[in-house]
Protein backbone atom coordinates (compact mmCIF):
# COMPACT_ATOMS: atom_id res chain seq x y z
CA MET A 1 -37.11 -116.41 165.46
CA LYS A 2 -39.97 -117.32 167.82
CA LYS A 3 -42.24 -120.13 166.61
CA VAL A 4 -46.00 -119.85 167.04
CA LEU A 5 -48.23 -122.88 166.53
CA VAL A 6 -51.30 -121.89 164.49
CA THR A 7 -54.05 -124.50 164.47
CA GLY A 8 -56.42 -124.01 161.55
CA GLY A 9 -53.72 -121.86 159.98
CA ALA A 10 -54.88 -122.51 156.43
CA GLY A 11 -58.38 -121.23 157.20
CA PHE A 12 -59.79 -117.77 156.56
CA ILE A 13 -58.68 -116.01 159.75
CA GLY A 14 -55.75 -118.32 160.40
CA SER A 15 -54.09 -117.69 157.04
CA HIS A 16 -54.33 -113.91 157.37
CA THR A 17 -52.93 -114.17 160.90
CA CYS A 18 -49.97 -116.17 159.58
CA VAL A 19 -49.19 -113.26 157.22
CA GLU A 20 -49.25 -110.78 160.10
CA LEU A 21 -47.14 -113.06 162.29
CA VAL A 22 -44.44 -113.21 159.62
CA GLU A 23 -44.59 -109.42 159.26
CA ALA A 24 -44.07 -109.14 163.04
CA GLY A 25 -41.02 -111.43 163.01
CA TYR A 26 -42.59 -114.71 164.15
CA LEU A 27 -42.46 -118.09 162.39
CA PRO A 28 -45.96 -119.59 162.21
CA VAL A 29 -46.16 -123.39 162.20
CA ILE A 30 -49.48 -124.42 160.65
CA VAL A 31 -51.58 -127.39 161.77
CA ASP A 32 -54.54 -127.92 159.42
CA ASP A 33 -56.01 -131.04 157.85
CA LEU A 34 -57.56 -128.87 155.10
CA ARG A 35 -61.09 -130.15 155.69
CA ASN A 36 -62.32 -126.53 155.54
CA SER A 37 -59.56 -125.00 153.47
CA HIS A 38 -57.53 -125.65 150.35
CA GLU A 39 -53.99 -126.02 149.04
CA ARG A 40 -54.36 -122.75 147.08
CA ILE A 41 -54.47 -120.86 150.38
CA LEU A 42 -51.10 -122.32 151.31
CA ALA A 43 -49.77 -121.33 147.89
CA GLY A 44 -51.08 -117.81 148.43
CA LEU A 45 -49.34 -117.64 151.81
CA THR A 46 -46.05 -118.57 150.17
CA ARG A 47 -46.46 -115.84 147.56
CA ILE A 48 -47.36 -113.15 150.10
CA THR A 49 -44.73 -114.00 152.73
CA GLY A 50 -41.96 -115.27 150.46
CA ARG A 51 -41.63 -118.30 152.75
CA ASP A 52 -42.60 -121.95 152.66
CA LEU A 53 -44.14 -122.08 156.11
CA PRO A 54 -44.09 -125.38 158.01
CA VAL A 55 -47.42 -127.17 157.51
CA HIS A 56 -48.63 -130.30 159.29
CA ARG A 57 -51.75 -131.83 157.73
CA VAL A 58 -53.19 -133.37 160.87
CA ASP A 59 -56.44 -133.28 162.85
CA CYS A 60 -56.24 -131.35 166.13
CA ASN A 61 -58.48 -134.01 167.66
CA ASP A 62 -55.77 -136.64 167.12
CA PRO A 63 -53.58 -136.74 170.28
CA GLU A 64 -50.80 -138.82 168.71
CA ALA A 65 -50.55 -136.55 165.67
CA MET A 66 -50.44 -133.45 167.84
CA GLU A 67 -47.74 -135.02 169.99
CA ARG A 68 -45.64 -135.57 166.85
CA VAL A 69 -46.04 -131.91 165.84
CA PHE A 70 -44.89 -130.63 169.23
CA THR A 71 -41.95 -133.04 169.26
CA ALA A 72 -40.86 -132.16 165.72
CA GLU A 73 -41.34 -128.38 165.84
CA GLY A 74 -41.12 -127.28 169.46
CA PRO A 75 -40.47 -125.40 171.57
CA PHE A 76 -43.18 -122.88 170.73
CA HIS A 77 -43.43 -119.33 172.03
CA GLY A 78 -47.21 -119.66 172.01
CA VAL A 79 -50.21 -121.15 170.25
CA ILE A 80 -53.12 -119.50 168.45
CA HIS A 81 -56.08 -121.86 168.26
CA PHE A 82 -58.44 -121.37 165.33
CA ALA A 83 -59.36 -124.98 164.51
CA ALA A 84 -63.14 -125.14 164.96
CA TYR A 85 -66.34 -125.36 162.96
CA LYS A 86 -68.06 -121.98 162.82
CA SER A 87 -71.53 -122.08 161.18
CA VAL A 88 -74.36 -121.11 163.54
CA ASN A 89 -76.99 -122.60 161.23
CA GLU A 90 -75.11 -125.87 160.67
CA SER A 91 -74.54 -126.28 164.39
CA VAL A 92 -78.30 -126.21 164.98
CA ASN A 93 -78.68 -129.13 162.58
CA GLU A 94 -75.51 -131.02 163.59
CA PRO A 95 -74.79 -130.24 167.25
CA LEU A 96 -72.77 -133.41 167.96
CA LYS A 97 -70.33 -132.52 165.17
CA TYR A 98 -69.72 -129.14 166.82
CA TYR A 99 -69.41 -130.37 170.40
CA THR A 100 -67.00 -133.14 169.40
CA ASN A 101 -64.72 -131.04 167.22
CA ASN A 102 -64.73 -127.62 168.85
CA ILE A 103 -64.43 -128.66 172.48
CA GLY A 104 -62.44 -131.84 171.82
CA SER A 105 -59.75 -130.19 169.73
CA LEU A 106 -59.06 -127.59 172.42
CA ALA A 107 -58.81 -130.28 175.11
CA VAL A 108 -56.31 -132.27 173.03
CA LEU A 109 -54.29 -129.14 172.27
CA ILE A 110 -54.13 -128.05 175.92
CA ALA A 111 -53.13 -131.52 177.16
CA THR A 112 -50.35 -131.73 174.56
CA ALA A 113 -49.14 -128.20 175.30
CA GLN A 114 -48.90 -128.93 179.02
CA ARG A 115 -46.77 -132.01 178.40
CA HIS A 116 -44.38 -129.79 176.46
CA ALA A 117 -44.32 -126.98 179.05
CA LEU A 118 -46.20 -124.57 176.77
CA ARG A 119 -48.67 -122.40 178.67
CA ARG A 120 -49.39 -119.48 176.36
CA ILE A 121 -52.50 -119.42 174.17
CA VAL A 122 -54.59 -116.97 172.14
CA PHE A 123 -58.04 -118.50 171.72
CA SER A 124 -60.49 -117.85 168.90
CA SER A 125 -63.81 -117.15 170.63
CA SER A 126 -66.91 -115.40 169.31
CA CYS A 127 -69.53 -112.75 169.98
CA ALA A 128 -71.97 -115.69 169.72
CA VAL A 129 -71.34 -116.23 173.43
CA TYR A 130 -73.46 -113.14 174.16
CA GLY A 131 -76.59 -114.30 172.33
CA GLN A 132 -78.96 -111.35 172.02
CA ALA A 133 -77.30 -108.89 174.39
CA ASP A 134 -79.46 -106.70 176.64
CA ARG A 135 -77.27 -103.64 175.98
CA LEU A 136 -75.57 -102.53 172.77
CA PRO A 137 -72.79 -102.05 172.03
CA VAL A 138 -71.92 -105.12 174.09
CA ASP A 139 -68.81 -105.08 176.27
CA GLU A 140 -66.87 -107.92 177.88
CA THR A 141 -68.77 -107.64 181.19
CA ALA A 142 -72.03 -108.79 179.55
CA PRO A 143 -73.20 -112.32 180.45
CA ALA A 144 -71.51 -114.83 178.15
CA GLU A 145 -74.04 -117.59 178.72
CA ARG A 146 -76.98 -116.63 176.51
CA THR A 147 -75.88 -118.08 173.22
CA ASN A 148 -78.62 -119.02 170.75
CA SER A 149 -76.79 -121.92 169.07
CA PRO A 150 -74.72 -125.05 169.70
CA TYR A 151 -71.82 -123.26 167.98
CA GLY A 152 -72.01 -120.46 170.51
CA PHE A 153 -72.25 -122.92 173.36
CA THR A 154 -69.03 -124.64 172.26
CA LYS A 155 -67.28 -121.27 172.57
CA VAL A 156 -68.78 -120.73 176.03
CA ALA A 157 -67.61 -124.21 177.06
CA CYS A 158 -64.10 -123.61 175.71
CA GLU A 159 -63.87 -120.29 177.54
CA HIS A 160 -64.88 -122.06 180.77
CA LEU A 161 -62.25 -124.74 180.17
CA LEU A 162 -59.55 -122.12 179.74
CA ARG A 163 -60.62 -120.05 182.73
CA ASP A 164 -60.72 -123.13 184.97
CA LEU A 165 -57.26 -124.05 183.72
CA ALA A 166 -55.94 -120.57 184.49
CA VAL A 167 -57.25 -120.87 188.04
CA SER A 168 -55.80 -124.35 188.56
CA ASP A 169 -52.40 -123.43 187.08
CA PRO A 170 -51.44 -119.73 187.31
CA ALA A 171 -48.46 -120.37 185.00
CA TRP A 172 -50.90 -120.32 182.09
CA ARG A 173 -51.24 -117.04 180.19
CA MET A 174 -54.29 -116.66 177.94
CA VAL A 175 -56.08 -114.17 175.74
CA LEU A 176 -59.63 -114.95 174.63
CA LEU A 177 -60.61 -112.92 171.56
CA ARG A 178 -64.35 -112.65 170.96
CA TYR A 179 -64.66 -112.02 167.22
CA PHE A 180 -67.57 -110.26 165.68
CA ASN A 181 -68.06 -110.80 161.91
CA PRO A 182 -64.81 -111.19 159.95
CA ILE A 183 -65.04 -110.33 156.25
CA GLY A 184 -62.79 -109.17 153.43
CA ALA A 185 -59.54 -110.61 152.12
CA HIS A 186 -55.87 -109.79 151.88
CA PRO A 187 -55.39 -106.67 149.71
CA SER A 188 -53.14 -108.70 147.37
CA GLY A 189 -56.14 -110.81 146.35
CA LEU A 190 -54.05 -113.96 146.94
CA ILE A 191 -55.89 -115.30 150.01
CA GLY A 192 -59.42 -114.86 151.26
CA GLU A 193 -62.47 -116.71 152.51
CA LEU A 194 -63.03 -119.97 150.62
CA PRO A 195 -66.00 -121.80 152.17
CA VAL A 196 -66.77 -125.47 151.72
CA GLY A 197 -69.86 -125.87 149.52
CA VAL A 198 -72.68 -123.36 149.89
CA PRO A 199 -71.51 -120.40 152.02
CA SER A 200 -73.11 -119.98 155.44
CA ASN A 201 -71.68 -116.47 155.94
CA LEU A 202 -73.07 -113.38 154.25
CA VAL A 203 -70.16 -111.87 152.33
CA PRO A 204 -68.96 -115.03 150.53
CA TYR A 205 -72.53 -115.49 149.33
CA VAL A 206 -72.70 -111.84 148.23
CA VAL A 207 -69.56 -112.11 146.10
CA GLN A 208 -70.53 -115.49 144.65
CA ALA A 209 -73.98 -114.17 143.71
CA ALA A 210 -72.39 -111.08 142.17
CA ALA A 211 -70.05 -113.33 140.16
CA GLY A 212 -72.95 -115.46 138.90
CA ARG A 213 -71.87 -118.50 140.91
CA ARG A 214 -75.14 -118.39 142.88
CA GLU A 215 -78.58 -117.62 141.49
CA ALA A 216 -79.30 -115.02 144.16
CA LEU A 217 -78.48 -113.99 147.71
CA THR A 218 -81.25 -114.91 150.14
CA ILE A 219 -81.73 -112.36 152.93
CA HIS A 220 -82.91 -114.41 155.90
CA GLY A 221 -85.48 -112.34 157.75
CA THR A 222 -86.73 -108.83 156.96
CA ASP A 223 -88.91 -108.32 160.04
CA TYR A 224 -86.31 -107.93 162.78
CA ASP A 225 -86.50 -104.98 165.18
CA THR A 226 -83.80 -103.05 163.30
CA PRO A 227 -83.95 -99.88 161.17
CA ASP A 228 -84.51 -101.76 157.88
CA GLY A 229 -85.78 -105.08 159.24
CA THR A 230 -82.61 -107.08 158.50
CA CYS A 231 -80.03 -108.29 161.00
CA LEU A 232 -77.40 -105.87 162.31
CA ARG A 233 -73.82 -107.11 162.64
CA ASP A 234 -70.35 -105.74 163.34
CA TYR A 235 -68.29 -106.55 160.23
CA ILE A 236 -64.53 -106.42 160.78
CA HIS A 237 -61.86 -106.65 158.08
CA VAL A 238 -59.97 -109.93 158.45
CA VAL A 239 -56.61 -108.14 158.28
CA ASP A 240 -57.55 -105.96 161.25
CA LEU A 241 -58.63 -109.09 163.11
CA ALA A 242 -55.36 -110.84 162.24
CA ARG A 243 -53.37 -107.94 163.63
CA ALA A 244 -55.27 -108.21 166.91
CA HIS A 245 -53.72 -111.67 167.36
CA VAL A 246 -50.22 -110.26 167.07
CA ARG A 247 -51.10 -107.67 169.72
CA ALA A 248 -52.56 -110.45 171.88
CA LEU A 249 -49.29 -112.39 171.71
CA ALA A 250 -47.44 -109.27 172.88
CA HIS A 251 -49.99 -108.93 175.69
CA LEU A 252 -49.02 -112.40 176.91
CA ASP A 253 -45.46 -111.11 177.32
CA ASP A 254 -46.61 -108.42 179.75
CA GLU A 255 -46.28 -109.95 183.20
CA ARG A 256 -48.43 -107.15 184.64
CA SER A 257 -51.50 -108.39 182.75
CA ALA A 258 -53.97 -110.95 184.08
CA ASN A 259 -53.18 -114.54 183.21
CA CYS A 260 -56.56 -114.80 181.44
CA SER A 261 -57.81 -111.74 179.53
CA VAL A 262 -60.92 -111.32 177.33
CA PHE A 263 -61.31 -108.83 174.48
CA ASN A 264 -63.99 -107.99 171.95
CA VAL A 265 -62.57 -107.64 168.45
CA GLY A 266 -64.88 -105.66 166.16
CA THR A 267 -65.38 -102.16 164.81
CA GLY A 268 -68.22 -100.92 167.01
CA ARG A 269 -70.03 -99.79 163.84
CA PRO A 270 -73.03 -102.00 162.99
CA ALA A 271 -74.31 -102.58 159.46
CA SER A 272 -77.46 -104.35 158.32
CA VAL A 273 -77.60 -107.08 155.70
CA LYS A 274 -79.20 -104.62 153.28
CA GLU A 275 -76.47 -102.06 154.00
CA VAL A 276 -73.81 -104.66 153.17
CA VAL A 277 -75.43 -105.36 149.82
CA ASP A 278 -75.86 -101.66 149.04
CA THR A 279 -72.26 -100.89 150.03
CA PHE A 280 -70.92 -103.75 147.93
CA GLU A 281 -72.80 -102.51 144.88
CA ARG A 282 -71.57 -98.97 145.47
CA VAL A 283 -67.85 -99.77 145.86
CA THR A 284 -67.68 -102.39 143.08
CA GLY A 285 -70.33 -101.22 140.60
CA VAL A 286 -71.60 -104.81 140.44
CA ARG A 287 -75.23 -105.75 141.04
CA VAL A 288 -76.14 -108.48 143.56
CA PRO A 289 -79.31 -110.48 142.77
CA VAL A 290 -81.36 -110.68 145.99
CA ARG A 291 -84.44 -112.51 147.20
CA MET A 292 -86.14 -112.49 150.60
CA GLY A 293 -86.44 -115.54 152.82
CA PRO A 294 -87.50 -116.59 156.33
CA ARG A 295 -85.41 -116.16 159.46
CA ARG A 296 -82.78 -118.80 160.21
CA PRO A 297 -82.64 -120.68 163.52
CA GLY A 298 -79.94 -119.37 165.85
CA ASP A 299 -79.66 -115.86 164.39
CA VAL A 300 -79.95 -112.85 166.71
CA ALA A 301 -81.37 -109.52 165.59
CA SER A 302 -78.46 -107.24 166.52
CA ILE A 303 -74.95 -107.54 167.90
CA TYR A 304 -72.04 -105.14 167.76
CA ALA A 305 -69.00 -104.46 169.90
CA ASP A 306 -67.70 -102.08 172.49
CA THR A 307 -63.97 -102.36 171.72
CA SER A 308 -62.64 -99.88 174.28
CA ARG A 309 -60.91 -102.59 176.33
CA ALA A 310 -58.91 -103.80 173.32
CA ALA A 311 -57.98 -100.21 172.49
CA HIS A 312 -56.78 -99.54 176.04
CA ASP A 313 -55.05 -102.82 176.90
CA LEU A 314 -53.85 -104.06 173.50
CA GLY A 315 -53.38 -100.72 171.76
CA TRP A 316 -55.50 -102.13 168.92
CA ARG A 317 -58.24 -100.57 166.81
CA SER A 318 -59.76 -101.56 163.48
CA GLU A 319 -58.47 -99.52 160.55
CA HIS A 320 -60.53 -100.66 157.54
CA ASP A 321 -64.14 -99.69 156.92
CA LEU A 322 -66.93 -101.79 155.42
CA GLY A 323 -66.25 -100.52 151.89
CA HIS A 324 -62.58 -101.55 152.05
CA ALA A 325 -63.48 -105.02 153.30
CA LEU A 326 -66.09 -105.60 150.59
CA ARG A 327 -63.79 -104.32 147.85
CA HIS A 328 -61.06 -106.69 148.99
CA ALA A 329 -63.51 -109.61 149.17
CA TRP A 330 -64.51 -108.87 145.56
CA GLN A 331 -60.85 -108.74 144.48
CA TRP A 332 -60.37 -112.19 145.99
CA GLN A 333 -63.43 -113.53 144.15
CA GLN A 334 -62.11 -112.05 140.90
CA HIS A 335 -58.79 -113.80 141.55
CA LEU A 336 -60.65 -117.11 141.85
CA GLU A 337 -62.59 -116.40 138.65
CA ALA A 338 -59.37 -115.57 136.79
CA GLU A 339 -57.92 -118.90 137.91
CA GLY A 340 -60.98 -120.64 136.54
CA SER A 341 -61.49 -122.28 139.90
CA ASP A 342 -64.72 -123.17 141.65
CA ALA A 343 -66.01 -120.42 143.89
CA SER A 344 -66.39 -122.89 146.72
CA ILE A 345 -64.31 -125.90 147.64
CA LYS A 346 -65.10 -129.52 148.22
CA ARG A 347 -64.02 -131.29 151.35
CA SER A 348 -60.40 -132.37 151.13
CA GLY A 349 -60.25 -134.14 154.49
CA ALA A 350 -62.32 -136.26 156.84
C-alpha cells in the first residue's frame, strides 16, 4: 500500500482527503500538531475508515521533528501539504504569523523531502491568489499576483517557491490546487469543519448561529457590485475537493504531464452570502438570525472558477450542489450538539 504524507491531515480539508485516500487504496500518514483541529476529528476518521491511521503530532515548521517523521514512516509515494493558516481577515491583523507559518512550513517540508528523495507534492493553494479578477469566471491563466491579503500573498509566495524548484530540479512533480470556498462535511456527520474560537468562514458561522451558539450571523458588506449587494463566492463541497486531491496524485503518475501543473478547484457556480443563508434555511427548515455589518478588510466582491482545465486534465468535476453541502454541514453541527461539545474548539497546541 502506497503511503502518502498528509500535513494538516486532522484539519477540515485534510481529514476529508484522508478518507478519500483510504477509499482509493492509499495509506495516509498524518502530520498535525492539532493547533487548529481536535482529537475528535481523528476519532471520526477511525470510525469512517475503520483504521487507526498513523498520526504524528508535530509542527511542520520543526525541521528535526519532520526529519523523524520521514525516517520513521518513509518512503512516501507523495505528500499533500495542507498545513497553513487560512483566515483572510486574521492575516490582515497578524501578517507575521501568516508569513512565518505558511511559507516556513513549506520550506521545511520541501527541504526534508529532498533529503529523502521524495519529489512529488500536491499543494494546497487558493483562489485568493487572484484577488479581484478582471474576468469571471477566472481561469488559471489570470494573473496570480493581485491578492488582497497577507494570506493570499503567502500562497503566491509558496507557488513561486514550488515553480522555481521545478525549474531547478526537473525531477520534481507538482500539482498546485487553487481552492475556492470549501464547505460542508462528510455525509456520515462524523467529521466536518471545527474552527478555533469564533469562525472566520461563512458556513461554520451560519450553522453555529442556527444552533444558537452565536447570537447572529453578521453579513459583512451589503453594498458590493453584485446582484444582491453581498459577496459572491464559489462554494465547493469538501468531499468533492478531497477527491480532487486523489485525482491530482494520479496526475503525478502520468509522465506525459508537466512537472508543475495548476488547477482551479471549484464548481463554477457562484452564490452570494444571502443566497447561502436562504438555501440553508430552505434545506434544513431552520432559521438563521442575521444582522448587517461593514465590509471586512481583504474581502473581494466576486470570485468564482472556470474549472475546465481540471475537467480535461484530471477528469474531475464537482458532484454536490450548495444544498447538499449545507445540509451536510448542518448534520455535522447536530452531531456536535448531540455530543454536548462546544461548537468551536480551543487551541490545543502552540
